[in-house]
Amino acid sequence: MSETTLNILQYYGAGAALLAALVVSLNLGVKWTGWAFVVFVTSSIALIGWGFLNDEGAGIGWQNIGLLAINLVGVYRYLIAGKPPEAPDES
């Protein structure tokens, strides 16, 4: 794999994760959060590729396999299943 391709995967994965985390943190609503999870999925896929295609990134690859599963749950909850249940009041 070329160094350029590895760099694209690495930096796309990192940047997409930052963008998605920002959108989730802004609490813009169910649809926005769902689409943030879609971006998280693309980030995980890029970092899985980067992790297993370079010599020292297997740990990041395995971590992102787990994160991919979590992010797919987020896509399902927020975009496919509909509005998730409200969190209980903590007062």
PDB file of N, CA and C in Angstrom:
ATOM      1  N   MET A   1       0.870  -1.186   0.000  1.00  0.00           N
ATOM      2  CA  MET A   1       0.000   0.000   0.000  1.00  0.00           C
ATOM      3  C   MET A   1       0.904   1.233   0.000  1.00  0.00           C
ATOM      4  N   SER A   2       0.555   2.215  -0.791  1.00  0.00           N
ATOM      5  CA  SER A   2       1.399   3.404  -0.878  1.00  0.00           C
ATOM      6  C   SER A   2       1.272   4.263   0.384  1.00  0.00           C
ATOM      7  N   GLU A   3       2.310   4.990   0.638  1.00  0.00           N
ATOM      8  CA  GLU A   3       2.337   5.891   1.800  1.00  0.00           C
ATOM      9  C   GLU A   3       1.235   6.943   1.691  1.00  0.00           C
ATOM     10  N   THR A   4       0.964   7.417   0.492  1.00  0.00           N
ATOM     11  CA  THR A   4      -0.090   8.421   0.287  1.00  0.00           C
ATOM     12  C   THR A   4      -1.456   7.863   0.664  1.00  0.00           C
ATOM     13  N   THR A   5      -1.747   6.640   0.238  1.00  0.00           N
ATOM     14  CA  THR A   5      -3.027   6.015   0.575  1.00  0.00           C
ATOM     15  C   THR A   5      -3.158   5.826   2.078  1.00  0.00           C
ATOM     16  N   LEU A   6      -2.096   5.373   2.725  1.00  0.00           N
ATOM     17  CA  LEU A   6      -2.126   5.206   4.176  1.00  0.00           C
ATOM     18  C   LEU A   6      -2.371   6.535   4.881  1.00  0.00           C
ATOM     19  N   ASN A   7      -1.732   7.595   4.404  1.00  0.00           N
ATOM     20  CA  ASN A   7      -1.942   8.915   5.004  1.00  0.00           C
ATOM     21  C   ASN A   7      -3.381   9.383   4.825  1.00  0.00           C
ATOM     22  N   ILE A   8      -3.952   9.152   3.651  1.00  0.00           N
ATOM     23  CA  ILE A   8      -5.350   9.544   3.417  1.00  0.00           C
ATOM     24  C   ILE A   8      -6.266   8.801   4.379  1.00  0.00           C
ATOM     25  N   LEU A   9      -6.080   7.479   4.508  1.00  0.00           N
ATOM     26  CA  LEU A   9      -6.908   6.705   5.431  1.00  0.00           C
ATOM     27  C   LEU A   9      -6.762   7.201   6.867  1.00  0.00           C
ATOM     28  N   GLN A  10      -5.528   7.420   7.291  1.00  0.00           N
ATOM     29  CA  GLN A  10      -5.261   7.843   8.663  1.00  0.00           C
ATOM     30  C   GLN A  10      -5.882   9.204   8.963  1.00  0.00           C
ATOM     31  N   TYR A  11      -5.631  10.177   8.124  1.00  0.00           N
ATOM     32  CA  TYR A  11      -6.105  11.527   8.411  1.00  0.00           C
ATOM     33  C   TYR A  11      -7.599  11.691   8.149  1.00  0.00           C
ATOM     34  N   TYR A  12      -8.141  10.972   7.160  1.00  0.00           N
ATOM     35  CA  TYR A  12      -9.595  10.998   6.987  1.00  0.00           C
ATOM     36  C   TYR A  12     -10.264  10.398   8.222  1.00  0.00           C
ATOM     37  N   GLY A  13      -9.773   9.243   8.667  1.00  0.00           N
ATOM     38  CA  GLY A  13     -10.357   8.596   9.841  1.00  0.00           C
ATOM     39  C   GLY A  13     -10.338   9.493  11.067  1.00  0.00           C
ATOM     40  N   ALA A  14      -9.223  10.147  11.296  1.00  0.00           N
ATOM     41  CA  ALA A  14      -9.111  11.038  12.451  1.00  0.00           C
ATOM     42  C   ALA A  14     -10.020  12.255  12.301  1.00  0.00           C
ATOM     43  N   GLY A  15      -9.997  12.886  11.145  1.00  0.00           N
ATOM     44  CA  GLY A  15     -10.812  14.086  10.932  1.00  0.00           C
ATOM     45  C   GLY A  15     -12.307  13.797  10.963  1.00  0.00           C
ATOM     46  N   ALA A  16     -12.718  12.694  10.349  1.00  0.00           N
ATOM     47  CA  ALA A  16     -14.134  12.335  10.345  1.00  0.00           C
ATOM     48  C   ALA A  16     -14.620  12.041  11.758  1.00  0.00           C
ATOM     49  N   ALA A  17     -13.799  11.369  12.555  1.00  0.00           N
ATOM     50  CA  ALA A  17     -14.181  11.090  13.945  1.00  0.00           C
ATOM     51  C   ALA A  17     -14.336  12.379  14.744  1.00  0.00           C
ATOM     52  N   LEU A  18     -13.454  13.329  14.527  1.00  0.00           N
ATOM     53  CA  LEU A  18     -13.565  14.622  15.220  1.00  0.00           C
ATOM     54  C   LEU A  18     -14.836  15.358  14.820  1.00  0.00           C
ATOM     55  N   LEU A  19     -15.126  15.378  13.524  1.00  0.00           N
ATOM     56  CA  LEU A  19     -16.338  16.043  13.043  1.00  0.00           C
ATOM     57  C   LEU A  19     -17.585  15.379  13.631  1.00  0.00           C
ATOM     58  N   ALA A  20     -17.645  14.060  13.588  1.00  0.00           N
ATOM     59  CA  ALA A  20     -18.808  13.348  14.111  1.00  0.00           C
ATOM     60  C   ALA A  20     -18.967  13.581  15.609  1.00  0.00           C
ATOM     61  N   ALA A  21     -17.873  13.568  16.345  1.00  0.00           N
ATOM     62  CA  ALA A  21     -17.949  13.817  17.786  1.00  0.00           C
ATOM     63  C   ALA A  21     -18.456  15.228  18.072  1.00  0.00           C
ATOM     64  N   LEU A  22     -18.038  16.196  17.265  1.00  0.00           N
ATOM     65  CA  LEU A  22     -18.526  17.566  17.428  1.00  0.00           C
ATOM     66  C   LEU A  22     -20.031  17.623  17.211  1.00  0.00           C
ATOM     67  N   VAL A  23     -20.514  16.985  16.149  1.00  0.00           N
ATOM     68  CA  VAL A  23     -21.955  17.008  15.860  1.00  0.00           C
ATOM     69  C   VAL A  23     -22.739  16.356  16.996  1.00  0.00           C
ATOM     70  N   VAL A  24     -22.272  15.212  17.496  1.00  0.00           N
ATOM     71  CA  VAL A  24     -22.961  14.559  18.615  1.00  0.00           C
ATOM     72  C   VAL A  24     -22.951  15.466  19.840  1.00  0.00           C
ATOM     73  N   SER A  25     -21.823  16.120  20.117  1.00  0.00           N
ATOM     74  CA  SER A  25     -21.719  16.968  21.307  1.00  0.00           C
ATOM     75  C   SER A  25     -22.622  18.201  21.238  1.00  0.00           C
ATOM     76  N   LEU A  26     -22.955  18.644  20.034  1.00  0.00           N
ATOM     77  CA  LEU A  26     -23.822  19.817  19.881  1.00  0.00           C
ATOM     78  C   LEU A  26     -25.297  19.502  20.132  1.00  0.00           C
ATOM     79  N   ASN A  27     -25.635  18.215  20.183  1.00  0.00           N
ATOM     80  CA  ASN A  27     -27.001  17.786  20.485  1.00  0.00           C
ATOM     81  C   ASN A  27     -28.019  18.494  19.579  1.00  0.00           C
ATOM     82  N   LEU A  28     -27.818  18.364  18.280  1.00  0.00           N
ATOM     83  CA  LEU A  28     -28.642  19.056  17.299  1.00  0.00           C
ATOM     84  C   LEU A  28     -29.935  18.318  16.955  1.00  0.00           C
ATOM     85  N   GLY A  29     -30.136  17.158  17.514  1.00  0.00           N
ATOM     86  CA  GLY A  29     -31.351  16.397  17.268  1.00  0.00           C
ATOM     87  C   GLY A  29     -31.053  15.015  16.738  1.00  0.00           C
ATOM     88  N   VAL A  30     -32.116  14.226  16.613  1.00  0.00           N
ATOM     89  CA  VAL A  30     -32.002  12.823  16.260  1.00  0.00           C
ATOM     90  C   VAL A  30     -31.379  12.625  14.880  1.00  0.00           C
ATOM     91  N   LYS A  31     -31.847  13.340  13.869  1.00  0.00           N
ATOM     92  CA  LYS A  31     -31.326  13.150  12.506  1.00  0.00           C
ATOM     93  C   LYS A  31     -29.847  13.511  12.406  1.00  0.00           C
ATOM     94  N   TRP A  32     -29.483  14.650  12.985  1.00  0.00           N
ATOM     95  CA  TRP A  32     -28.077  15.060  12.968  1.00  0.00           C
ATOM     96  C   TRP A  32     -27.200  14.029  13.672  1.00  0.00           C
ATOM     97  N   THR A  33     -27.657  13.543  14.809  1.00  0.00           N
ATOM     98  CA  THR A  33     -26.883  12.547  15.546  1.00  0.00           C
ATOM     99  C   THR A  33     -26.767  11.265  14.725  1.00  0.00           C
ATOM    100  N   GLY A  34     -27.851  10.857  14.091  1.00  0.00           N
ATOM    101  CA  GLY A  34     -27.805   9.674  13.238  1.00  0.00           C
ATOM    102  C   GLY A  34     -26.794   9.807  12.117  1.00  0.00           C
ATOM    103  N   TRP A  35     -26.789  10.970  11.467  1.00  0.00           N
ATOM    104  CA  TRP A  35     -25.816  11.178  10.390  1.00  0.00           C
ATOM    105  C   TRP A  35     -24.391  11.286  10.925  1.00  0.00           C
ATOM    106  N   ALA A  36     -24.237  11.768  12.138  1.00  0.00           N
ATOM    107  CA  ALA A  36     -22.909  11.768  12.759  1.00  0.00           C
ATOM    108  C   ALA A  36     -22.417  10.329  12.936  1.00  0.00           C
ATOM    109  N   PHE A  37     -23.324   9.422  13.302  1.00  0.00           N
ATOM    110  CA  PHE A  37     -22.929   8.021  13.419  1.00  0.00           C
ATOM    111  C   PHE A  37     -22.545   7.431  12.060  1.00  0.00           C
ATOM    112  N   VAL A  38     -23.181   7.875  10.980  1.00  0.00           N
ATOM    113  CA  VAL A  38     -22.770   7.442   9.639  1.00  0.00           C
ATOM    114  C   VAL A  38     -21.333   7.886   9.380  1.00  0.00           C
ATOM    115  N   VAL A  39     -21.012   9.117   9.748  1.00  0.00           N
ATOM    116  CA  VAL A  39     -19.638   9.612   9.578  1.00  0.00           C
ATOM    117  C   VAL A  39     -18.680   8.813  10.461  1.00  0.00           C
ATOM    118  N   PHE A  40     -19.100   8.489  11.697  1.00  0.00           N
ATOM    119  CA  PHE A  40     -18.284   7.621  12.555  1.00  0.00           C
ATOM    120  C   PHE A  40     -18.020   6.274  11.874  1.00  0.00           C
ATOM    121  N   VAL A  41     -19.021   5.717  11.207  1.00  0.00           N
ATOM    122  CA  VAL A  41     -18.845   4.438  10.503  1.00  0.00           C
ATOM    123  C   VAL A  41     -17.764   4.573   9.438  1.00  0.00           C
ATOM    124  N   THR A  42     -17.802   5.645   8.648  1.00  0.00           N
ATOM    125  CA  THR A  42     -16.781   5.821   7.611  1.00  0.00           C
ATOM    126  C   THR A  42     -15.399   6.008   8.228  1.00  0.00           C
ATOM    127  N   SER A  43     -15.346   6.694   9.369  1.00  0.00           N
ATOM    128  CA  SER A  43     -14.085   6.873  10.079  1.00  0.00           C
ATOM    129  C   SER A  43     -13.532   5.525  10.527  1.00  0.00           C
ATOM    130  N   SER A  44     -14.393   4.700  11.118  1.00  0.00           N
ATOM    131  CA  SER A  44     -13.955   3.381  11.584  1.00  0.00           C
ATOM    132  C   SER A  44     -13.450   2.523  10.430  1.00  0.00           C
ATOM    133  N   ILE A  45     -14.154   2.558   9.304  1.00  0.00           N
ATOM    134  CA  ILE A  45     -13.727   1.773   8.148  1.00  0.00           C
ATOM    135  C   ILE A  45     -12.347   2.232   7.667  1.00  0.00           C
ATOM    136  N   ALA A  46     -12.149   3.538   7.589  1.00  0.00           N
ATOM    137  CA  ALA A  46     -10.848   4.063   7.164  1.00  0.00           C
ATOM    138  C   ALA A  46      -9.741   3.645   8.133  1.00  0.00           C
ATOM    139  N   LEU A  47     -10.024   3.717   9.425  1.00  0.00           N
ATOM    140  CA  LEU A  47      -8.990   3.387  10.402  1.00  0.00           C
ATOM    141  C   LEU A  47      -8.758   1.885  10.534  1.00  0.00           C
ATOM    142  N   ILE A  48      -9.769   1.077  10.229  1.00  0.00           N
ATOM    143  CA  ILE A  48      -9.548  -0.371  10.150  1.00  0.00           C
ATOM    144  C   ILE A  48      -8.579  -0.655   8.995  1.00  0.00           C
ATOM    145  N   GLY A  49      -8.845  -0.041   7.847  1.00  0.00           N
ATOM    146  CA  GLY A  49      -7.951  -0.209   6.709  1.00  0.00           C
ATOM    147  C   GLY A  49      -6.544   0.243   7.030  1.00  0.00           C
ATOM    148  N   TRP A  50      -6.418   1.435   7.587  1.00  0.00           N
ATOM    149  CA  TRP A  50      -5.102   1.966   7.937  1.00  0.00           C
ATOM    150  C   TRP A  50      -4.404   1.055   8.940  1.00  0.00           C
ATOM    151  N   GLY A  51      -5.157   0.607   9.937  1.00  0.00           N
ATOM    152  CA  GLY A  51      -4.559  -0.199  10.999  1.00  0.00           C
ATOM    153  C   GLY A  51      -3.977  -1.505  10.512  1.00  0.00           C
ATOM    154  N   PHE A  52      -4.669  -2.155   9.598  1.00  0.00           N
ATOM    155  CA  PHE A  52      -4.187  -3.459   9.156  1.00  0.00           C
ATOM    156  C   PHE A  52      -3.300  -3.395   7.914  1.00  0.00           C
ATOM    157  N   LEU A  53      -3.232  -2.245   7.258  1.00  0.00           N
ATOM    158  CA  LEU A  53      -2.383  -2.116   6.078  1.00  0.00           C
ATOM    159  C   LEU A  53      -1.013  -1.528   6.377  1.00  0.00           C
ATOM    160  N   ASN A  54      -0.802  -1.036   7.591  1.00  0.00           N
ATOM    161  CA  ASN A  54       0.539  -0.559   7.928  1.00  0.00           C
ATOM    162  C   ASN A  54       1.140  -1.484   8.969  1.00  0.00           C
ATOM    163  N   ASP A  55       2.413  -1.375   9.179  1.00  0.00           N
ATOM    164  CA  ASP A  55       3.133  -2.337  10.004  1.00  0.00           C
ATOM    165  C   ASP A  55       2.877  -2.223  11.504  1.00  0.00           C
ATOM    166  N   GLU A  56       2.436  -1.070  11.971  1.00  0.00           N
ATOM    167  CA  GLU A  56       2.336  -0.873  13.418  1.00  0.00           C
ATOM    168  C   GLU A  56       0.957  -0.453  13.885  1.00  0.00           C
ATOM    169  N   GLY A  57      -0.084  -0.663  13.097  1.00  0.00           N
ATOM    170  CA  GLY A  57      -1.388  -0.127  13.453  1.00  0.00           C
ATOM    171  C   GLY A  57      -2.450  -1.154  13.790  1.00  0.00           C
ATOM    172  N   ALA A  58      -2.060  -2.401  14.045  1.00  0.00           N
ATOM    173  CA  ALA A  58      -3.070  -3.438  14.297  1.00  0.00           C
ATOM    174  C   ALA A  58      -3.959  -3.099  15.487  1.00  0.00           C
ATOM    175  N   GLY A  59      -3.401  -2.475  16.507  1.00  0.00           N
ATOM    176  CA  GLY A  59      -4.208  -2.099  17.674  1.00  0.00           C
ATOM    177  C   GLY A  59      -5.319  -1.133  17.309  1.00  0.00           C
ATOM    178  N   ILE A  60      -5.006  -0.158  16.486  1.00  0.00           N
ATOM    179  CA  ILE A  60      -6.026   0.790  16.024  1.00  0.00           C
ATOM    180  C   ILE A  60      -7.044   0.076  15.136  1.00  0.00           C
ATOM    181  N   GLY A  61      -6.584  -0.864  14.332  1.00  0.00           N
ATOM    182  CA  GLY A  61      -7.500  -1.641  13.505  1.00  0.00           C
ATOM    183  C   GLY A  61      -8.494  -2.418  14.348  1.00  0.00           C
ATOM    184  N   TRP A  62      -8.001  -3.129  15.362  1.00  0.00           N
ATOM    185  CA  TRP A  62      -8.899  -3.900  16.240  1.00  0.00           C
ATOM    186  C   TRP A  62      -9.831  -2.993  17.026  1.00  0.00           C
ATOM    187  N   GLN A  63      -9.307  -1.889  17.525  1.00  0.00           N
ATOM    188  CA  GLN A  63     -10.155  -0.945  18.260  1.00  0.00           C
ATOM    189  C   GLN A  63     -11.301  -0.468  17.371  1.00  0.00           C
ATOM    190  N   ASN A  64     -11.009  -0.188  16.126  1.00  0.00           N
ATOM    191  CA  ASN A  64     -12.034   0.340  15.232  1.00  0.00           C
ATOM    192  C   ASN A  64     -13.008  -0.715  14.740  1.00  0.00           C
ATOM    193  N   ILE A  65     -12.653  -1.989  14.825  1.00  0.00           N
ATOM    194  CA  ILE A  65     -13.644  -3.029  14.586  1.00  0.00           C
ATOM    195  C   ILE A  65     -14.714  -2.944  15.679  1.00  0.00           C
ATOM    196  N   GLY A  66     -14.281  -2.776  16.935  1.00  0.00           N
ATOM    197  CA  GLY A  66     -15.237  -2.593  18.030  1.00  0.00           C
ATOM    198  C   GLY A  66     -16.042  -1.316  17.875  1.00  0.00           C
ATOM    199  N   LEU A  67     -15.372  -0.221  17.525  1.00  0.00           N
ATOM    200  CA  LEU A  67     -16.074   1.049  17.342  1.00  0.00           C
ATOM    201  C   LEU A  67     -17.052   0.990  16.170  1.00  0.00           C
ATOM    202  N   LEU A  68     -16.698   0.243  15.125  1.00  0.00           N
ATOM    203  CA  LEU A  68     -17.613   0.087  14.001  1.00  0.00           C
ATOM    204  C   LEU A  68     -18.923  -0.556  14.457  1.00  0.00           C
ATOM    205  N   ALA A  69     -18.817  -1.584  15.285  1.00  0.00           N
ATOM    206  CA  ALA A  69     -20.031  -2.237  15.798  1.00  0.00           C
ATOM    207  C   ALA A  69     -20.871  -1.254  16.618  1.00  0.00           C
ATOM    208  N   ILE A  70     -20.221  -0.489  17.485  1.00  0.00           N
ATOM    209  CA  ILE A  70     -20.929   0.512  18.293  1.00  0.00           C
ATOM    210  C   ILE A  70     -21.574   1.564  17.401  1.00  0.00           C
ATOM    211  N   ASN A  71     -20.846   2.034  16.407  1.00  0.00           N
ATOM    212  CA  ASN A  71     -21.372   3.068  15.508  1.00  0.00           C
ATOM    213  C   ASN A  71     -22.539   2.562  14.678  1.00  0.00           C
ATOM    214  N   LEU A  72     -22.508   1.302  14.295  1.00  0.00           N
ATOM    215  CA  LEU A  72     -23.644   0.734  13.574  1.00  0.00           C
ATOM    216  C   LEU A  72     -24.892   0.681  14.453  1.00  0.00           C
ATOM    217  N   VAL A  73     -24.711   0.426  15.744  1.00  0.00           N
ATOM    218  CA  VAL A  73     -25.839   0.497  16.684  1.00  0.00           C
ATOM    219  C   VAL A  73     -26.402   1.914  16.688  1.00  0.00           C
ATOM    220  N   GLY A  74     -25.520   2.916  16.693  1.00  0.00           N
ATOM    221  CA  GLY A  74     -25.970   4.308  16.654  1.00  0.00           C
ATOM    222  C   GLY A  74     -26.746   4.627  15.392  1.00  0.00           C
ATOM    223  N   VAL A  75     -26.263   4.159  14.246  1.00  0.00           N
ATOM    224  CA  VAL A  75     -26.988   4.377  12.982  1.00  0.00           C
ATOM    225  C   VAL A  75     -28.363   3.733  13.074  1.00  0.00           C
ATOM    226  N   TYR A  76     -28.420   2.522  13.577  1.00  0.00           N
ATOM    227  CA  TYR A  76     -29.701   1.835  13.694  1.00  0.00           C
ATOM    228  C   TYR A  76     -30.658   2.597  14.615  1.00  0.00           C
ATOM    229  N   ARG A  77     -30.181   2.961  15.791  1.00  0.00           N
ATOM    230  CA  ARG A  77     -31.052   3.632  16.765  1.00  0.00           C
ATOM    231  C   ARG A  77     -31.564   4.971  16.272  1.00  0.00           C
ATOM    232  N   TYR A  78     -30.700   5.765  15.655  1.00  0.00           N
ATOM    233  CA  TYR A  78     -31.061   7.135  15.319  1.00  0.00           C
ATOM    234  C   TYR A  78     -31.651   7.308  13.922  1.00  0.00           C
ATOM    235  N   LEU A  79     -31.300   6.441  12.971  1.00  0.00           N
ATOM    236  CA  LEU A  79     -31.792   6.627  11.606  1.00  0.00           C
ATOM    237  C   LEU A  79     -32.757   5.542  11.145  1.00  0.00           C
ATOM    238  N   ILE A  80     -32.610   4.336  11.626  1.00  0.00           N
ATOM    239  CA  ILE A  80     -33.432   3.237  11.128  1.00  0.00           C
ATOM    240  C   ILE A  80     -34.622   2.966  12.040  1.00  0.00           C
ATOM    241  N   ALA A  81     -34.384   2.835  13.337  1.00  0.00           N
ATOM    242  CA  ALA A  81     -35.452   2.477  14.276  1.00  0.00           C
ATOM    243  C   ALA A  81     -36.340   3.656  14.641  1.00  0.00           C
ATOM    244  N   GLY A  82     -35.889   4.855  14.354  1.00  0.00           N
ATOM    245  CA  GLY A  82     -36.663   6.045  14.738  1.00  0.00           C
ATOM    246  C   GLY A  82     -36.099   6.674  15.989  1.00  0.00           C
ATOM    247  N   LYS A  83     -36.858   7.567  16.548  1.00  0.00           N
ATOM    248  CA  LYS A  83     -36.396   8.339  17.694  1.00  0.00           C
ATOM    249  C   LYS A  83     -36.132   7.421  18.886  1.00  0.00           C
ATOM    250  N   PRO A  84     -34.920   7.499  19.448  1.00  0.00           N
ATOM    251  CA  PRO A  84     -34.622   6.685  20.624  1.00  0.00           C
ATOM    252  C   PRO A  84     -35.403   7.169  21.833  1.00  0.00           C
ATOM    253  N   PRO A  85     -35.646   6.299  22.817  1.00  0.00           N
ATOM    254  CA  PRO A  85     -36.386   6.723  23.988  1.00  0.00           C
ATOM    255  C   PRO A  85     -35.649   7.829  24.730  1.00  0.00           C
ATOM    256  N   GLU A  86     -36.427   8.675  25.392  1.00  0.00           N
ATOM    257  CA  GLU A  86     -35.842   9.765  26.170  1.00  0.00           C
ATOM    258  C   GLU A  86     -35.081   9.195  27.366  1.00  0.00           C
ATOM    259  N   ALA A  87     -34.007   9.852  27.716  1.00  0.00           N
ATOM    260  CA  ALA A  87     -33.254   9.456  28.902  1.00  0.00           C
ATOM    261  C   ALA A  87     -34.063   9.790  30.145  1.00  0.00           C
ATOM    262  N   PRO A  88     -33.932   8.986  31.191  1.00  0.00           N
ATOM    263  CA  PRO A  88     -34.664   9.300  32.421  1.00  0.00           C
ATOM    264  C   PRO A  88     -34.187  10.611  33.019  1.00  0.00           C
ATOM    265  N   ASP A  89     -35.081  11.308  33.669  1.00  0.00           N
ATOM    266  CA  ASP A  89     -34.766  12.572  34.318  1.00  0.00           C
ATOM    267  C   ASP A  89     -33.872  12.294  35.520  1.00  0.00           C
ATOM    268  N   GLU A  90     -32.767  13.031  35.618  1.00  0.00           N
ATOM    269  CA  GLU A  90     -31.807  12.795  36.695  1.00  0.00           C
ATOM    270  C   GLU A  90     -32.010  13.721  37.872  1.00  0.00           C
ATOM    271  N   SER A  91     -33.163  14.318  38.012  1.00  0.00           N
ATOM    272  CA  SER A  91     -33.358  15.275  39.106  1.00  0.00           C
ATOM    273  C   SER A  91     -33.686  14.614  40.414  1.00  0.00           C
TER     274      SER A  91
END
